[in-house]
PDB file of N, CA and C in Angstrom:
ATOM      1  N   MET A   1     -48.157 -56.056  57.833  1.00  0.00           N
ATOM      2  CA  MET A   1     -46.738 -56.371  57.961  1.00  0.00           C
ATOM      3  C   MET A   1     -45.974 -55.468  56.999  1.00  0.00           C
ATOM      4  N   ALA A   2     -44.991 -54.787  57.513  1.00  0.00           N
ATOM      5  CA  ALA A   2     -44.203 -53.898  56.666  1.00  0.00           C
ATOM      6  C   ALA A   2     -43.348 -54.712  55.714  1.00  0.00           C
ATOM      7  N   LYS A   3     -43.226 -54.240  54.497  1.00  0.00           N
ATOM      8  CA  LYS A   3     -42.461 -54.994  53.515  1.00  0.00           C
ATOM      9  C   LYS A   3     -40.968 -54.997  53.826  1.00  0.00           C
ATOM     10  N   ASP A   4     -40.494 -54.030  54.630  1.00  0.00           N
ATOM     11  CA  ASP A   4     -39.074 -53.949  54.983  1.00  0.00           C
ATOM     12  C   ASP A   4     -38.758 -54.698  56.266  1.00  0.00           C
ATOM     13  N   CYS A   5     -39.691 -55.475  56.750  1.00  0.00           N
ATOM     14  CA  CYS A   5     -39.568 -56.040  58.087  1.00  0.00           C
ATOM     15  C   CYS A   5     -38.675 -57.278  58.162  1.00  0.00           C
ATOM     16  N   GLY A   6     -37.473 -57.169  57.635  1.00  0.00           N
ATOM     17  CA  GLY A   6     -36.481 -58.223  57.813  1.00  0.00           C
ATOM     18  C   GLY A   6     -36.978 -59.605  57.414  1.00  0.00           C
ATOM     19  N   PRO A   7     -36.238 -60.618  57.784  1.00  0.00           N
ATOM     20  CA  PRO A   7     -36.609 -61.996  57.451  1.00  0.00           C
ATOM     21  C   PRO A   7     -37.644 -62.531  58.430  1.00  0.00           C
ATOM     22  N   VAL A   8     -38.910 -62.183  58.192  1.00  0.00           N
ATOM     23  CA  VAL A   8     -39.978 -62.525  59.126  1.00  0.00           C
ATOM     24  C   VAL A   8     -40.083 -64.038  59.334  1.00  0.00           C
ATOM     25  N   ALA A   9     -39.995 -64.806  58.263  1.00  0.00           N
ATOM     26  CA  ALA A   9     -40.089 -66.262  58.392  1.00  0.00           C
ATOM     27  C   ALA A   9     -38.961 -66.779  59.281  1.00  0.00           C
ATOM     28  N   GLU A  10     -37.790 -66.172  59.148  1.00  0.00           N
ATOM     29  CA  GLU A  10     -36.656 -66.565  59.986  1.00  0.00           C
ATOM     30  C   GLU A  10     -36.933 -66.214  61.447  1.00  0.00           C
ATOM     31  N   MET A  11     -37.485 -65.035  61.691  1.00  0.00           N
ATOM     32  CA  MET A  11     -37.804 -64.628  63.059  1.00  0.00           C
ATOM     33  C   MET A  11     -38.809 -65.582  63.690  1.00  0.00           C
ATOM     34  N   GLU A  12     -39.816 -65.978  62.918  1.00  0.00           N
ATOM     35  CA  GLU A  12     -40.856 -66.858  63.455  1.00  0.00           C
ATOM     36  C   GLU A  12     -40.295 -68.209  63.883  1.00  0.00           C
ATOM     37  N   ARG A  13     -39.214 -68.652  63.267  1.00  0.00           N
ATOM     38  CA  ARG A  13     -38.587 -69.926  63.653  1.00  0.00           C
ATOM     39  C   ARG A  13     -38.039 -69.877  65.081  1.00  0.00           C
ATOM     40  N   TYR A  14     -37.698 -68.672  65.537  1.00  0.00           N
ATOM     41  CA  TYR A  14     -37.072 -68.525  66.846  1.00  0.00           C
ATOM     42  C   TYR A  14     -38.063 -68.246  67.973  1.00  0.00           C
ATOM     43  N   ILE A  15     -39.346 -68.110  67.653  1.00  0.00           N
ATOM     44  CA  ILE A  15     -40.336 -67.840  68.695  1.00  0.00           C
ATOM     45  C   ILE A  15     -40.298 -68.990  69.712  1.00  0.00           C
ATOM     46  N   GLY A  16     -40.191 -68.618  70.995  1.00  0.00           N
ATOM     47  CA  GLY A  16     -40.126 -69.607  72.064  1.00  0.00           C
ATOM     48  C   GLY A  16     -38.709 -70.059  72.376  1.00  0.00           C
ATOM     49  N   LYS A  17     -37.729 -69.595  71.602  1.00  0.00           N
ATOM     50  CA  LYS A  17     -36.339 -69.982  71.813  1.00  0.00           C
ATOM     51  C   LYS A  17     -35.529 -68.775  72.274  1.00  0.00           C
ATOM     52  N   VAL A  18     -34.388 -69.061  72.888  1.00  0.00           N
ATOM     53  CA  VAL A  18     -33.477 -67.987  73.274  1.00  0.00           C
ATOM     54  C   VAL A  18     -32.607 -67.651  72.075  1.00  0.00           C
ATOM     55  N   ALA A  19     -32.533 -66.369  71.751  1.00  0.00           N
ATOM     56  CA  ALA A  19     -31.789 -65.946  70.577  1.00  0.00           C
ATOM     57  C   ALA A  19     -31.043 -64.649  70.851  1.00  0.00           C
ATOM     58  N   THR A  20     -30.052 -64.407  70.030  1.00  0.00           N
ATOM     59  CA  THR A  20     -29.324 -63.142  70.048  1.00  0.00           C
ATOM     60  C   THR A  20     -29.765 -62.349  68.826  1.00  0.00           C
ATOM     61  N   ILE A  21     -30.158 -61.115  69.059  1.00  0.00           N
ATOM     62  CA  ILE A  21     -30.641 -60.257  67.986  1.00  0.00           C
ATOM     63  C   ILE A  21     -29.643 -59.122  67.815  1.00  0.00           C
ATOM     64  N   GLN A  22     -29.054 -59.039  66.643  1.00  0.00           N
ATOM     65  CA  GLN A  22     -28.152 -57.928  66.357  1.00  0.00           C
ATOM     66  C   GLN A  22     -28.943 -56.860  65.637  1.00  0.00           C
ATOM     67  N   LEU A  23     -28.878 -55.645  66.172  1.00  0.00           N
ATOM     68  CA  LEU A  23     -29.652 -54.548  65.603  1.00  0.00           C
ATOM     69  C   LEU A  23     -28.780 -53.680  64.705  1.00  0.00           C
ATOM     70  N   LYS A  24     -29.411 -53.014  63.759  1.00  0.00           N
ATOM     71  CA  LYS A  24     -28.699 -52.114  62.864  1.00  0.00           C
ATOM     72  C   LYS A  24     -28.103 -50.961  63.661  1.00  0.00           C
ATOM     73  N   SER A  25     -27.052 -50.372  63.158  1.00  0.00           N
ATOM     74  CA  SER A  25     -26.438 -49.239  63.847  1.00  0.00           C
ATOM     75  C   SER A  25     -27.453 -48.111  63.971  1.00  0.00           C
ATOM     76  N   GLY A  26     -27.352 -47.389  65.062  1.00  0.00           N
ATOM     77  CA  GLY A  26     -28.306 -46.323  65.323  1.00  0.00           C
ATOM     78  C   GLY A  26     -29.402 -46.743  66.286  1.00  0.00           C
ATOM     79  N   ALA A  27     -29.571 -48.050  66.489  1.00  0.00           N
ATOM     80  CA  ALA A  27     -30.549 -48.527  67.465  1.00  0.00           C
ATOM     81  C   ALA A  27     -29.981 -48.304  68.868  1.00  0.00           C
ATOM     82  N   THR A  28     -30.837 -48.287  69.867  1.00  0.00           N
ATOM     83  CA  THR A  28     -30.407 -47.959  71.225  1.00  0.00           C
ATOM     84  C   THR A  28     -29.386 -48.943  71.775  1.00  0.00           C
ATOM     85  N   ALA A  29     -29.564 -50.217  71.539  1.00  0.00           N
ATOM     86  CA  ALA A  29     -28.592 -51.220  71.969  1.00  0.00           C
ATOM     87  C   ALA A  29     -28.259 -52.071  70.746  1.00  0.00           C
ATOM     88  N   PRO A  30     -26.969 -52.318  70.474  1.00  0.00           N
ATOM     89  CA  PRO A  30     -26.631 -53.044  69.254  1.00  0.00           C
ATOM     90  C   PRO A  30     -27.014 -54.516  69.280  1.00  0.00           C
ATOM     91  N   ILE A  31     -27.060 -55.105  70.482  1.00  0.00           N
ATOM     92  CA  ILE A  31     -27.367 -56.524  70.586  1.00  0.00           C
ATOM     93  C   ILE A  31     -28.350 -56.744  71.732  1.00  0.00           C
ATOM     94  N   ALA A  32     -29.378 -57.516  71.471  1.00  0.00           N
ATOM     95  CA  ALA A  32     -30.330 -57.915  72.507  1.00  0.00           C
ATOM     96  C   ALA A  32     -30.310 -59.434  72.574  1.00  0.00           C
ATOM     97  N   GLU A  33     -30.461 -59.969  73.773  1.00  0.00           N
ATOM     98  CA  GLU A  33     -30.513 -61.414  73.911  1.00  0.00           C
ATOM     99  C   GLU A  33     -31.658 -61.780  74.830  1.00  0.00           C
ATOM    100  N   GLY A  34     -32.395 -62.799  74.459  1.00  0.00           N
ATOM    101  CA  GLY A  34     -33.494 -63.243  75.291  1.00  0.00           C
ATOM    102  C   GLY A  34     -34.368 -64.233  74.555  1.00  0.00           C
ATOM    103  N   ARG A  35     -35.436 -64.640  75.227  1.00  0.00           N
ATOM    104  CA  ARG A  35     -36.392 -65.581  74.634  1.00  0.00           C
ATOM    105  C   ARG A  35     -37.389 -64.786  73.808  1.00  0.00           C
ATOM    106  N   LEU A  36     -37.533 -65.169  72.546  1.00  0.00           N
ATOM    107  CA  LEU A  36     -38.491 -64.492  71.687  1.00  0.00           C
ATOM    108  C   LEU A  36     -39.889 -64.967  72.040  1.00  0.00           C
ATOM    109  N   ILE A  37     -40.738 -64.036  72.430  1.00  0.00           N
ATOM    110  CA  ILE A  37     -42.085 -64.358  72.899  1.00  0.00           C
ATOM    111  C   ILE A  37     -43.086 -64.304  71.747  1.00  0.00           C
ATOM    112  N   ALA A  38     -43.045 -63.240  70.964  1.00  0.00           N
ATOM    113  CA  ALA A  38     -44.062 -63.069  69.926  1.00  0.00           C
ATOM    114  C   ALA A  38     -43.582 -62.119  68.849  1.00  0.00           C
ATOM    115  N   LEU A  39     -44.151 -62.272  67.670  1.00  0.00           N
ATOM    116  CA  LEU A  39     -43.952 -61.332  66.572  1.00  0.00           C
ATOM    117  C   LEU A  39     -45.327 -60.833  66.193  1.00  0.00           C
ATOM    118  N   ASN A  40     -45.559 -59.538  66.421  1.00  0.00           N
ATOM    119  CA  ASN A  40     -46.870 -58.952  66.180  1.00  0.00           C
ATOM    120  C   ASN A  40     -46.687 -57.756  65.267  1.00  0.00           C
ATOM    121  N   GLY A  41     -46.990 -57.934  64.002  1.00  0.00           N
ATOM    122  CA  GLY A  41     -46.785 -56.847  63.052  1.00  0.00           C
ATOM    123  C   GLY A  41     -45.306 -56.562  62.915  1.00  0.00           C
ATOM    124  N   ASP A  42     -44.896 -55.336  63.227  1.00  0.00           N
ATOM    125  CA  ASP A  42     -43.493 -54.938  63.140  1.00  0.00           C
ATOM    126  C   ASP A  42     -42.773 -55.078  64.471  1.00  0.00           C
ATOM    127  N   THR A  43     -43.444 -55.586  65.498  1.00  0.00           N
ATOM    128  CA  THR A  43     -42.863 -55.601  66.842  1.00  0.00           C
ATOM    129  C   THR A  43     -42.531 -57.013  67.292  1.00  0.00           C
ATOM    130  N   LEU A  44     -41.280 -57.205  67.651  1.00  0.00           N
ATOM    131  CA  LEU A  44     -40.797 -58.471  68.178  1.00  0.00           C
ATOM    132  C   LEU A  44     -40.702 -58.313  69.691  1.00  0.00           C
ATOM    133  N   THR A  45     -41.337 -59.192  70.448  1.00  0.00           N
ATOM    134  CA  THR A  45     -41.290 -59.134  71.911  1.00  0.00           C
ATOM    135  C   THR A  45     -40.252 -60.131  72.401  1.00  0.00           C
ATOM    136  N   VAL A  46     -39.297 -59.622  73.195  1.00  0.00           N
ATOM    137  CA  VAL A  46     -38.190 -60.425  73.701  1.00  0.00           C
ATOM    138  C   VAL A  46     -38.203 -60.361  75.221  1.00  0.00           C
ATOM    139  N   GLU A  47     -38.142 -61.537  75.871  1.00  0.00           N
ATOM    140  CA  GLU A  47     -38.057 -61.581  77.329  1.00  0.00           C
ATOM    141  C   GLU A  47     -36.602 -61.835  77.698  1.00  0.00           C
ATOM    142  N   THR A  48     -36.008 -60.907  78.439  1.00  0.00           N
ATOM    143  CA  THR A  48     -34.604 -61.031  78.813  1.00  0.00           C
ATOM    144  C   THR A  48     -34.444 -61.930  80.025  1.00  0.00           C
ATOM    145  N   SER A  49     -33.206 -62.209  80.376  1.00  0.00           N
ATOM    146  CA  SER A  49     -32.925 -63.084  81.514  1.00  0.00           C
ATOM    147  C   SER A  49     -33.436 -62.493  82.825  1.00  0.00           C
ATOM    148  N   GLU A  50     -33.634 -61.180  82.878  1.00  0.00           N
ATOM    149  CA  GLU A  50     -34.174 -60.530  84.087  1.00  0.00           C
ATOM    150  C   GLU A  50     -35.697 -60.569  84.119  1.00  0.00           C
ATOM    151  N   ARG A  51     -36.299 -61.312  83.205  1.00  0.00           N
ATOM    152  CA  ARG A  51     -37.757 -61.474  83.099  1.00  0.00           C
ATOM    153  C   ARG A  51     -38.460 -60.173  82.706  1.00  0.00           C
ATOM    154  N   THR A  52     -37.712 -59.255  82.113  1.00  0.00           N
ATOM    155  CA  THR A  52     -38.354 -58.056  81.600  1.00  0.00           C
ATOM    156  C   THR A  52     -38.594 -58.245  80.111  1.00  0.00           C
ATOM    157  N   ARG A  53     -39.650 -57.657  79.624  1.00  0.00           N
ATOM    158  CA  ARG A  53     -39.979 -57.790  78.204  1.00  0.00           C
ATOM    159  C   ARG A  53     -39.606 -56.519  77.468  1.00  0.00           C
ATOM    160  N   THR A  54     -38.960 -56.700  76.356  1.00  0.00           N
ATOM    161  CA  THR A  54     -38.515 -55.594  75.517  1.00  0.00           C
ATOM    162  C   THR A  54     -39.179 -55.741  74.166  1.00  0.00           C
ATOM    163  N   HIS A  55     -39.576 -54.627  73.603  1.00  0.00           N
ATOM    164  CA  HIS A  55     -40.188 -54.642  72.275  1.00  0.00           C
ATOM    165  C   HIS A  55     -39.175 -54.088  71.282  1.00  0.00           C
ATOM    166  N   VAL A  56     -38.902 -54.853  70.244  1.00  0.00           N
ATOM    167  CA  VAL A  56     -37.926 -54.489  69.231  1.00  0.00           C
ATOM    168  C   VAL A  56     -38.654 -54.269  67.916  1.00  0.00           C
ATOM    169  N   ASP A  57     -38.387 -53.141  67.283  1.00  0.00           N
ATOM    170  CA  ASP A  57     -38.942 -52.893  65.953  1.00  0.00           C
ATOM    171  C   ASP A  57     -38.171 -53.787  64.986  1.00  0.00           C
ATOM    172  N   CYS A  58     -38.864 -54.693  64.332  1.00  0.00           N
ATOM    173  CA  CYS A  58     -38.159 -55.661  63.490  1.00  0.00           C
ATOM    174  C   CYS A  58     -37.522 -55.015  62.267  1.00  0.00           C
ATOM    175  N   ASN A  59     -37.857 -53.773  61.973  1.00  0.00           N
ATOM    176  CA  ASN A  59     -37.173 -53.062  60.888  1.00  0.00           C
ATOM    177  C   ASN A  59     -35.736 -52.723  61.275  1.00  0.00           C
ATOM    178  N   ASN A  60     -35.435 -52.762  62.588  1.00  0.00           N
ATOM    179  CA  ASN A  60     -34.089 -52.466  63.063  1.00  0.00           C
ATOM    180  C   ASN A  60     -33.220 -53.715  63.222  1.00  0.00           C
ATOM    181  N   VAL A  61     -33.780 -54.893  62.950  1.00  0.00           N
ATOM    182  CA  VAL A  61     -33.038 -56.139  63.144  1.00  0.00           C
ATOM    183  C   VAL A  61     -32.102 -56.373  61.951  1.00  0.00           C
ATOM    184  N   LEU A  62     -30.821 -56.542  62.267  1.00  0.00           N
ATOM    185  CA  LEU A  62     -29.830 -56.848  61.241  1.00  0.00           C
ATOM    186  C   LEU A  62     -29.725 -58.356  61.058  1.00  0.00           C
ATOM    187  N   SER A  63     -29.628 -59.082  62.177  1.00  0.00           N
ATOM    188  CA  SER A  63     -29.559 -60.546  62.099  1.00  0.00           C
ATOM    189  C   SER A  63     -30.087 -61.135  63.395  1.00  0.00           C
ATOM    190  N   ILE A  64     -30.415 -62.408  63.329  1.00  0.00           N
ATOM    191  CA  ILE A  64     -30.924 -63.121  64.494  1.00  0.00           C
ATOM    192  C   ILE A  64     -30.331 -64.524  64.474  1.00  0.00           C
ATOM    193  N   SER A  65     -29.899 -64.996  65.648  1.00  0.00           N
ATOM    194  CA  SER A  65     -29.325 -66.337  65.715  1.00  0.00           C
ATOM    195  C   SER A  65     -29.666 -66.957  67.060  1.00  0.00           C
ATOM    196  N   GLN A  66     -29.802 -68.270  67.060  1.00  0.00           N
ATOM    197  CA  GLN A  66     -30.135 -68.965  68.298  1.00  0.00           C
ATOM    198  C   GLN A  66     -28.921 -68.978  69.212  1.00  0.00           C
ATOM    199  N   SER A  67     -29.152 -68.678  70.476  1.00  0.00           N
ATOM    200  CA  SER A  67     -28.080 -68.702  71.460  1.00  0.00           C
ATOM    201  C   SER A  67     -27.845 -70.134  71.919  1.00  0.00           C
ATOM    202  N   GLU A  68     -26.634 -70.403  72.344  1.00  0.00           N
ATOM    203  CA  GLU A  68     -26.330 -71.723  72.888  1.00  0.00           C
ATOM    204  C   GLU A  68     -27.057 -71.883  74.210  1.00  0.00           C
ATOM    205  N   PRO A  69     -27.726 -73.001  74.438  1.00  0.00           N
ATOM    206  CA  PRO A  69     -28.378 -73.205  75.726  1.00  0.00           C
ATOM    207  C   PRO A  69     -27.322 -73.319  76.831  1.00  0.00           C
ATOM    208  N   PRO A  70     -27.610 -72.799  78.022  1.00  0.00           N
ATOM    209  CA  PRO A  70     -26.634 -72.901  79.104  1.00  0.00           C
ATOM    210  C   PRO A  70     -26.370 -74.356  79.464  1.00  0.00           C
ATOM    211  N   SER A  71     -25.122 -74.668  79.715  1.00  0.00           N
ATOM    212  CA  SER A  71     -24.784 -76.066  80.010  1.00  0.00           C
ATOM    213  C   SER A  71     -24.775 -76.324  81.500  1.00  0.00           C
TER     214      SER A  71
END
């Protein structure tokens, strides 16, 4: 686990939940949203609403917050 890898304990709380991930500037997309599937080393796996899986380098994560469930 990289020592710069953001708030890992915080990320682990969101595994299995839908969350919004704000990425640091310079990343390909500033915000990703989806269900957090797994945290493996430096890689966070996010499943988007289109059922595609995206891998996010957790060193690029600025903040993470739980999304409101759809009503």
